N, C-alpha and C. Protein backbone atom coordinates (compact mmCIF):
# COMPACT_ATOMS: atom_id res chain seq x y z
N MET A 1 0.65 -1.09 -0.05
CA MET A 1 -0.04 -0.05 -0.09
C MET A 1 0.89 1.31 -0.02
N GLY A 2 2.03 1.17 0.48
CA GLY A 2 2.92 2.23 0.54
C GLY A 2 3.42 2.72 -0.79
N LYS A 3 3.70 1.73 -1.57
CA LYS A 3 4.30 1.90 -2.91
C LYS A 3 3.13 2.74 -3.79
N ILE A 4 2.10 2.40 -3.65
CA ILE A 4 0.86 3.05 -4.35
C ILE A 4 0.82 4.31 -3.94
N THR A 5 0.88 4.72 -2.67
CA THR A 5 0.73 6.06 -2.10
C THR A 5 1.91 6.98 -2.63
N THR A 6 3.11 6.32 -2.52
CA THR A 6 4.33 6.96 -3.04
C THR A 6 4.20 7.28 -4.54
N PHE A 7 3.77 6.37 -5.21
CA PHE A 7 3.55 6.57 -6.78
C PHE A 7 2.51 7.85 -7.15
N LEU A 8 1.45 7.62 -6.34
CA LEU A 8 0.51 8.85 -6.64
C LEU A 8 1.03 10.14 -6.04
N ARG A 9 1.80 10.18 -5.08
CA ARG A 9 2.26 11.56 -4.65
C ARG A 9 3.33 12.09 -5.55
N GLU A 10 4.21 11.13 -6.10
CA GLU A 10 5.13 11.47 -7.13
C GLU A 10 4.56 11.96 -8.47
N ALA A 11 3.56 11.12 -8.88
CA ALA A 11 2.80 11.40 -10.04
C ALA A 11 2.23 12.88 -10.03
N LYS A 12 1.55 13.25 -8.68
CA LYS A 12 0.89 14.54 -8.59
C LYS A 12 1.93 15.65 -8.67
N SER A 13 3.13 15.19 -8.00
CA SER A 13 4.26 16.29 -7.94
C SER A 13 4.74 16.54 -9.36
N GLU A 14 4.87 15.58 -10.26
CA GLU A 14 5.19 15.62 -11.72
C GLU A 14 4.24 16.47 -12.48
N LEU A 15 3.11 16.17 -12.25
CA LEU A 15 1.97 16.94 -12.97
C LEU A 15 1.97 18.32 -12.70
N MET A 16 2.28 18.69 -11.61
CA MET A 16 2.49 20.08 -10.98
C MET A 16 3.59 20.98 -11.76
N LYS A 17 4.65 20.27 -12.33
CA LYS A 17 5.68 20.71 -13.08
C LYS A 17 5.21 20.96 -14.50
N VAL A 18 4.35 20.43 -15.09
CA VAL A 18 3.91 20.41 -16.47
C VAL A 18 3.61 21.89 -16.99
N ASN A 19 3.96 22.39 -17.92
CA ASN A 19 3.60 23.48 -18.52
C ASN A 19 2.33 23.58 -19.32
N TRP A 20 1.30 23.65 -18.83
CA TRP A 20 -0.07 23.36 -19.48
C TRP A 20 -0.26 24.61 -20.43
N PRO A 21 -0.84 24.33 -21.73
CA PRO A 21 -1.04 25.48 -22.63
C PRO A 21 -2.25 26.26 -22.22
N ASN A 22 -2.28 27.59 -22.64
CA ASN A 22 -3.37 28.47 -22.23
C ASN A 22 -4.47 28.24 -23.39
N LYS A 23 -5.57 28.92 -23.14
CA LYS A 23 -6.74 28.72 -24.02
C LYS A 23 -6.42 29.21 -25.44
N LYS A 24 -5.72 30.36 -25.64
CA LYS A 24 -5.27 30.69 -26.95
C LYS A 24 -4.40 29.59 -27.56
N GLN A 25 -3.43 29.06 -26.88
CA GLN A 25 -2.72 27.99 -27.59
C GLN A 25 -3.53 26.78 -28.00
N ILE A 26 -4.36 26.46 -27.05
CA ILE A 26 -5.27 25.26 -27.51
C ILE A 26 -6.05 25.65 -28.72
N THR A 27 -6.54 26.76 -28.82
CA THR A 27 -7.46 27.12 -29.97
C THR A 27 -6.81 27.21 -31.19
N SER A 28 -5.48 27.69 -31.16
CA SER A 28 -4.68 27.85 -32.29
C SER A 28 -4.16 26.31 -32.71
N TYR A 29 -3.79 25.53 -31.87
CA TYR A 29 -3.49 24.16 -32.09
C TYR A 29 -4.68 23.38 -32.71
N THR A 30 -5.62 23.56 -32.22
CA THR A 30 -6.92 22.96 -32.68
C THR A 30 -7.36 23.34 -34.13
N VAL A 31 -7.33 24.51 -34.52
CA VAL A 31 -7.43 25.11 -35.78
C VAL A 31 -6.40 24.60 -36.79
N LEU A 32 -5.28 24.51 -36.27
CA LEU A 32 -4.15 23.88 -37.03
C LEU A 32 -4.24 22.33 -37.52
N VAL A 33 -4.62 21.71 -36.49
CA VAL A 33 -4.83 20.13 -36.69
C VAL A 33 -6.09 20.00 -37.59
N ILE A 34 -7.23 20.84 -37.31
CA ILE A 34 -8.33 20.53 -38.33
C ILE A 34 -8.05 20.93 -39.72
N SER A 35 -7.25 22.00 -39.92
CA SER A 35 -6.93 22.64 -41.25
C SER A 35 -6.03 21.57 -42.06
N ILE A 36 -4.97 20.96 -41.42
CA ILE A 36 -4.23 20.04 -41.73
C ILE A 36 -4.98 18.68 -42.42
N SER A 37 -5.84 18.32 -41.45
CA SER A 37 -6.65 17.22 -41.56
C SER A 37 -7.56 17.41 -42.92
N ILE A 38 -8.22 18.59 -42.93
CA ILE A 38 -9.00 18.73 -44.09
C ILE A 38 -8.10 18.82 -45.55
N ALA A 39 -6.82 19.53 -45.35
CA ALA A 39 -6.04 19.63 -46.55
C ALA A 39 -5.60 18.03 -46.97
N GLY A 40 -5.16 17.40 -45.87
CA GLY A 40 -4.86 16.03 -46.19
C GLY A 40 -5.94 15.29 -46.96
N ALA A 41 -7.19 15.41 -46.44
CA ALA A 41 -8.30 14.61 -46.97
C ALA A 41 -8.53 15.14 -48.39
N ILE A 42 -8.47 16.42 -48.74
CA ILE A 42 -8.54 16.85 -49.99
C ILE A 42 -7.50 16.39 -50.83
N PHE A 43 -6.33 16.32 -50.57
CA PHE A 43 -5.04 15.62 -51.27
C PHE A 43 -5.39 14.26 -51.61
N LEU A 44 -5.77 13.47 -50.69
CA LEU A 44 -5.97 12.09 -50.81
C LEU A 44 -7.25 11.82 -51.69
N GLY A 45 -8.11 12.63 -51.41
CA GLY A 45 -9.50 12.52 -52.34
C GLY A 45 -9.15 12.75 -53.65
N SER A 46 -8.34 13.88 -53.99
CA SER A 46 -7.99 14.21 -55.37
C SER A 46 -7.09 13.00 -56.05
N LEU A 47 -6.17 12.53 -55.30
CA LEU A 47 -5.37 11.40 -55.89
C LEU A 47 -6.30 10.20 -56.10
N ASP A 48 -7.20 9.89 -55.24
CA ASP A 48 -8.10 8.78 -55.55
C ASP A 48 -8.86 8.97 -56.71
N PHE A 49 -9.53 10.17 -56.98
CA PHE A 49 -10.18 10.54 -58.04
C PHE A 49 -9.46 10.40 -59.41
N LEU A 50 -8.13 10.99 -59.32
CA LEU A 50 -7.24 10.86 -60.50
C LEU A 50 -6.96 9.43 -60.77
N PHE A 51 -6.44 8.72 -59.91
CA PHE A 51 -6.35 7.43 -60.26
C PHE A 51 -7.38 6.39 -60.52
N SER A 52 -8.58 6.75 -60.17
CA SER A 52 -9.69 6.01 -60.54
C SER A 52 -10.05 6.45 -61.99
N TYR A 53 -9.87 7.72 -62.36
CA TYR A 53 -10.24 8.24 -63.61
C TYR A 53 -9.13 7.60 -64.52
N LEU A 54 -8.01 7.48 -64.27
CA LEU A 54 -6.83 6.99 -65.23
C LEU A 54 -7.21 5.36 -65.32
N LEU A 55 -7.50 4.67 -64.43
CA LEU A 55 -7.75 3.32 -64.46
C LEU A 55 -8.96 3.09 -65.45
N LYS A 56 -10.07 3.78 -65.12
CA LYS A 56 -11.26 3.61 -66.07
C LYS A 56 -11.02 3.86 -67.44
N THR A 57 -10.14 5.07 -67.71
CA THR A 57 -9.72 5.59 -69.07
C THR A 57 -8.89 4.70 -69.93
N PHE A 58 -7.67 4.22 -69.20
CA PHE A 58 -6.82 3.50 -69.83
C PHE A 58 -6.61 2.06 -69.63
N ILE A 59 -7.08 1.47 -68.54
CA ILE A 59 -6.88 0.27 -68.02
C ILE A 59 -8.15 -0.71 -68.47
N ILE A 60 -9.29 -0.14 -67.88
CA ILE A 60 -10.58 -0.94 -67.92
C ILE A 60 -11.23 -0.78 -69.21
N LYS A 61 -11.27 0.48 -69.74
CA LYS A 61 -11.90 0.80 -71.06
C LYS A 61 -13.20 0.23 -71.07
């Protein structure tokens, strides 16, 4: 039981040392992640469209 208490006390002490982001940073990071995800989806979707068009035009006929 003593080891668990020691672990929890040390974990709490380490969490107090963490530099947590503020609201402005969280908002900007969230917008960045969403925009990169949308850009990646558009890129992959366009590649899929291009390759399916090429397959239908030149391979499958």
